[in-house]
Amino acid sequence: MPQWKEIQTTDEWNQVLEDSQVKPILVLKHSTTCPVSAAAFGEYEHFLKEVENDGVSYILVKVIESRPVSNQIASDLEVKHESPQAILIKEKNTIWNASHWKITKSTLHEVLQSKL
């Protein structure tokens, strides 16, 4: 079961973005004060319990605590900020993103199978 890694600085984000040239990255932007975001985070964690080490890096960004990182992700990927938000990145490009109630365990499975 892969583990997610929380990033908190723009330097960490820059490294994650560079790493996406080698392996896909799934970022979850999460608000620690929002019930919808808590539900999406739960779906993300349930999804990870069912996934083998698949060569994907799983990243968590807490949007309130790490606002500069969240803003930089939106700018770099040209994806309007939402929270919760899941973004699949490959070779520095967004290949899929979803927000709010669209972030489910089954959707994450489907997207990773179809997009990678």
C-alpha atoms as a PDB file:
ATOM      1  CA  MET A   1       0.000   0.000   0.000  1.00  0.00           C
ATOM      2  CA  PRO A   2       1.557   3.314  -1.034  1.00  0.00           C
ATOM      3  CA  GLN A   3       1.635   6.183   1.419  1.00  0.00           C
ATOM      4  CA  TRP A   4       0.874   9.790   0.680  1.00  0.00           C
ATOM      5  CA  LYS A   5       3.406  12.483   1.412  1.00  0.00           C
ATOM      6  CA  GLU A   6       2.396  15.943   2.571  1.00  0.00           C
ATOM      7  CA  ILE A   7       4.239  18.836   0.993  1.00  0.00           C
ATOM      8  CA  GLN A   8       4.351  22.248   2.647  1.00  0.00           C
ATOM      9  CA  THR A   9       6.753  24.395   0.652  1.00  0.00           C
ATOM     10  CA  THR A  10       6.974  25.615  -2.922  1.00  0.00           C
ATOM     11  CA  ASP A  11      10.446  24.035  -3.132  1.00  0.00           C
ATOM     12  CA  GLU A  12       8.875  20.649  -2.343  1.00  0.00           C
ATOM     13  CA  TRP A  13       6.190  21.318  -4.970  1.00  0.00           C
ATOM     14  CA  ASN A  14       8.843  22.228  -7.567  1.00  0.00           C
ATOM     15  CA  GLN A  15      10.553  18.893  -6.887  1.00  0.00           C
ATOM     16  CA  VAL A  16       7.238  17.003  -7.158  1.00  0.00           C
ATOM     17  CA  LEU A  17       6.530  18.697 -10.482  1.00  0.00           C
ATOM     18  CA  GLU A  18      10.002  17.738 -11.754  1.00  0.00           C
ATOM     19  CA  ASP A  19       9.465  14.172 -10.528  1.00  0.00           C
ATOM     20  CA  SER A  20       6.307  13.969 -12.663  1.00  0.00           C
ATOM     21  CA  GLN A  21       8.583  13.666 -15.690  1.00  0.00           C
ATOM     22  CA  VAL A  22       9.633  10.260 -14.355  1.00  0.00           C
ATOM     23  CA  LYS A  23       6.444   9.010 -12.693  1.00  0.00           C
ATOM     24  CA  PRO A  24       2.828  10.132 -12.432  1.00  0.00           C
ATOM     25  CA  ILE A  25       1.766  12.195  -9.427  1.00  0.00           C
ATOM     26  CA  LEU A  26      -1.679  12.282  -7.815  1.00  0.00           C
ATOM     27  CA  VAL A  27      -2.144  15.426  -5.724  1.00  0.00           C
ATOM     28  CA  LEU A  28      -4.985  15.880  -3.281  1.00  0.00           C
ATOM     29  CA  LYS A  29      -5.616  19.470  -2.233  1.00  0.00           C
ATOM     30  CA  HIS A  30      -7.395  19.238   1.111  1.00  0.00           C
ATOM     31  CA  SER A  31      -9.040  21.755   3.425  1.00  0.00           C
ATOM     32  CA  THR A  32      -8.822  20.698   7.062  1.00  0.00           C
ATOM     33  CA  THR A  33     -11.913  22.771   7.912  1.00  0.00           C
ATOM     34  CA  CYS A  34     -14.321  21.518   5.244  1.00  0.00           C
ATOM     35  CA  PRO A  35     -16.601  18.476   5.677  1.00  0.00           C
ATOM     36  CA  VAL A  36     -16.686  17.841   1.907  1.00  0.00           C
ATOM     37  CA  SER A  37     -12.896  17.840   1.879  1.00  0.00           C
ATOM     38  CA  ALA A  38     -12.854  15.452   4.855  1.00  0.00           C
ATOM     39  CA  ALA A  39     -15.042  13.062   2.858  1.00  0.00           C
ATOM     40  CA  ALA A  40     -12.726  13.301  -0.172  1.00  0.00           C
ATOM     41  CA  PHE A  41      -9.692  12.696   2.042  1.00  0.00           C
ATOM     42  CA  GLY A  42     -11.405   9.583   3.431  1.00  0.00           C
ATOM     43  CA  GLU A  43     -12.044   8.333  -0.115  1.00  0.00           C
ATOM     44  CA  TYR A  44      -8.383   9.009  -0.981  1.00  0.00           C
ATOM     45  CA  GLU A  45      -7.193   7.012   2.033  1.00  0.00           C
ATOM     46  CA  HIS A  46      -9.585   4.103   1.257  1.00  0.00           C
ATOM     47  CA  PHE A  47      -8.331   4.126  -2.321  1.00  0.00           C
ATOM     48  CA  LEU A  48      -4.705   3.922  -1.152  1.00  0.00           C
ATOM     49  CA  LYS A  49      -5.498   0.875   1.027  1.00  0.00           C
ATOM     50  CA  GLU A  50      -6.523  -1.010  -2.127  1.00  0.00           C
ATOM     51  CA  VAL A  51      -3.647   0.057  -4.364  1.00  0.00           C
ATOM     52  CA  GLU A  52      -0.396  -1.814  -4.788  1.00  0.00           C
ATOM     53  CA  ASN A  53       2.816   0.141  -5.226  1.00  0.00           C
ATOM     54  CA  ASP A  54       1.996   1.242  -8.745  1.00  0.00           C
ATOM     55  CA  GLY A  55       4.774   3.695  -9.527  1.00  0.00           C
ATOM     56  CA  VAL A  56       2.579   6.702  -8.743  1.00  0.00           C
ATOM     57  CA  SER A  57       3.526   9.280  -6.116  1.00  0.00           C
ATOM     58  CA  TYR A  58       0.674  10.375  -3.847  1.00  0.00           C
ATOM     59  CA  ILE A  59       0.874  13.921  -2.548  1.00  0.00           C
ATOM     60  CA  LEU A  60      -1.263  15.817  -0.035  1.00  0.00           C
ATOM     61  CA  VAL A  61      -1.450  19.610   0.195  1.00  0.00           C
ATOM     62  CA  LYS A  62      -3.379  21.210   3.035  1.00  0.00           C
ATOM     63  CA  VAL A  63      -4.699  24.317   1.328  1.00  0.00           C
ATOM     64  CA  ILE A  64      -5.138  26.513   4.396  1.00  0.00           C
ATOM     65  CA  GLU A  65      -1.858  25.624   6.087  1.00  0.00           C
ATOM     66  CA  SER A  66       0.120  25.647   2.809  1.00  0.00           C
ATOM     67  CA  ARG A  67      -1.647  28.348   0.787  1.00  0.00           C
ATOM     68  CA  PRO A  68       1.460  29.373  -1.224  1.00  0.00           C
ATOM     69  CA  VAL A  69       1.884  25.763  -2.388  1.00  0.00           C
ATOM     70  CA  SER A  70      -1.782  25.484  -3.314  1.00  0.00           C
ATOM     71  CA  ASN A  71      -1.610  28.727  -5.274  1.00  0.00           C
ATOM     72  CA  GLN A  72       1.578  27.662  -7.050  1.00  0.00           C
ATOM     73  CA  ILE A  73      -0.016  24.368  -8.118  1.00  0.00           C
ATOM     74  CA  ALA A  74      -2.973  26.251  -9.613  1.00  0.00           C
ATOM     75  CA  SER A  75      -0.626  28.604 -11.436  1.00  0.00           C
ATOM     76  CA  ASP A  76       1.849  25.993 -12.697  1.00  0.00           C
ATOM     77  CA  LEU A  77      -0.821  23.570 -13.893  1.00  0.00           C
ATOM     78  CA  GLU A  78      -3.307  26.225 -15.056  1.00  0.00           C
ATOM     79  CA  VAL A  79      -6.049  24.482 -13.080  1.00  0.00           C
ATOM     80  CA  LYS A  80      -8.484  26.689 -11.194  1.00  0.00           C
ATOM     81  CA  HIS A  81      -8.084  26.123  -7.444  1.00  0.00           C
ATOM     82  CA  GLU A  82     -10.827  24.167  -5.742  1.00  0.00           C
ATOM     83  CA  SER A  83     -10.928  22.287  -2.485  1.00  0.00           C
ATOM     84  CA  PRO A  84     -11.025  19.412  -2.217  1.00  0.00           C
ATOM     85  CA  GLN A  85      -9.339  18.782  -5.525  1.00  0.00           C
ATOM     86  CA  ALA A  86      -7.540  15.791  -7.014  1.00  0.00           C
ATOM     87  CA  ILE A  87      -5.072  16.349  -9.850  1.00  0.00           C
ATOM     88  CA  LEU A  88      -3.240  13.660 -11.813  1.00  0.00           C
ATOM     89  CA  ILE A  89       0.020  14.945 -13.301  1.00  0.00           C
ATOM     90  CA  LYS A  90       2.292  13.305 -15.831  1.00  0.00           C
ATOM     91  CA  GLU A  91       5.326  14.945 -17.434  1.00  0.00           C
ATOM     92  CA  LYS A  92       4.448  18.291 -15.805  1.00  0.00           C
ATOM     93  CA  ASN A  93       0.961  18.283 -17.343  1.00  0.00           C
ATOM     94  CA  THR A  94      -2.464  17.832 -15.829  1.00  0.00           C
ATOM     95  CA  ILE A  95      -4.043  14.749 -17.362  1.00  0.00           C
ATOM     96  CA  TRP A  96      -7.106  14.710 -15.100  1.00  0.00           C
ATOM     97  CA  ASN A  97      -8.617  16.689 -12.253  1.00  0.00           C
ATOM     98  CA  ALA A  98     -11.793  16.603 -10.198  1.00  0.00           C
ATOM     99  CA  SER A  99     -13.207  18.343  -7.178  1.00  0.00           C
ATOM    100  CA  HIS A 100     -15.682  18.013  -4.361  1.00  0.00           C
ATOM    101  CA  TRP A 101     -17.978  14.952  -4.465  1.00  0.00           C
ATOM    102  CA  LYS A 102     -16.362  13.696  -7.687  1.00  0.00           C
ATOM    103  CA  ILE A 103     -13.373  12.501  -5.655  1.00  0.00           C
ATOM    104  CA  THR A 104     -14.276   8.914  -4.809  1.00  0.00           C
ATOM    105  CA  LYS A 105     -12.374   5.702  -4.322  1.00  0.00           C
ATOM    106  CA  SER A 106     -13.934   4.181  -7.443  1.00  0.00           C
ATOM    107  CA  THR A 107     -13.254   7.272  -9.566  1.00  0.00           C
ATOM    108  CA  LEU A 108      -9.605   7.303  -8.493  1.00  0.00           C
ATOM    109  CA  HIS A 109      -9.274   3.612  -9.447  1.00  0.00           C
ATOM    110  CA  GLU A 110     -10.911   4.222 -12.829  1.00  0.00           C
ATOM    111  CA  VAL A 111      -8.804   7.271 -13.616  1.00  0.00           C
ATOM    112  CA  LEU A 112      -5.503   5.641 -12.769  1.00  0.00           C
ATOM    113  CA  GLN A 113      -6.382   2.573 -14.828  1.00  0.00           C
ATOM    114  CA  SER A 114      -7.541   4.556 -17.847  1.00  0.00           C
ATOM    115  CA  LYS A 115      -5.041   7.426 -17.843  1.00  0.00           C
ATOM    116  CA  LEU A 116      -1.821   5.579 -17.082  1.00  0.00           C
END
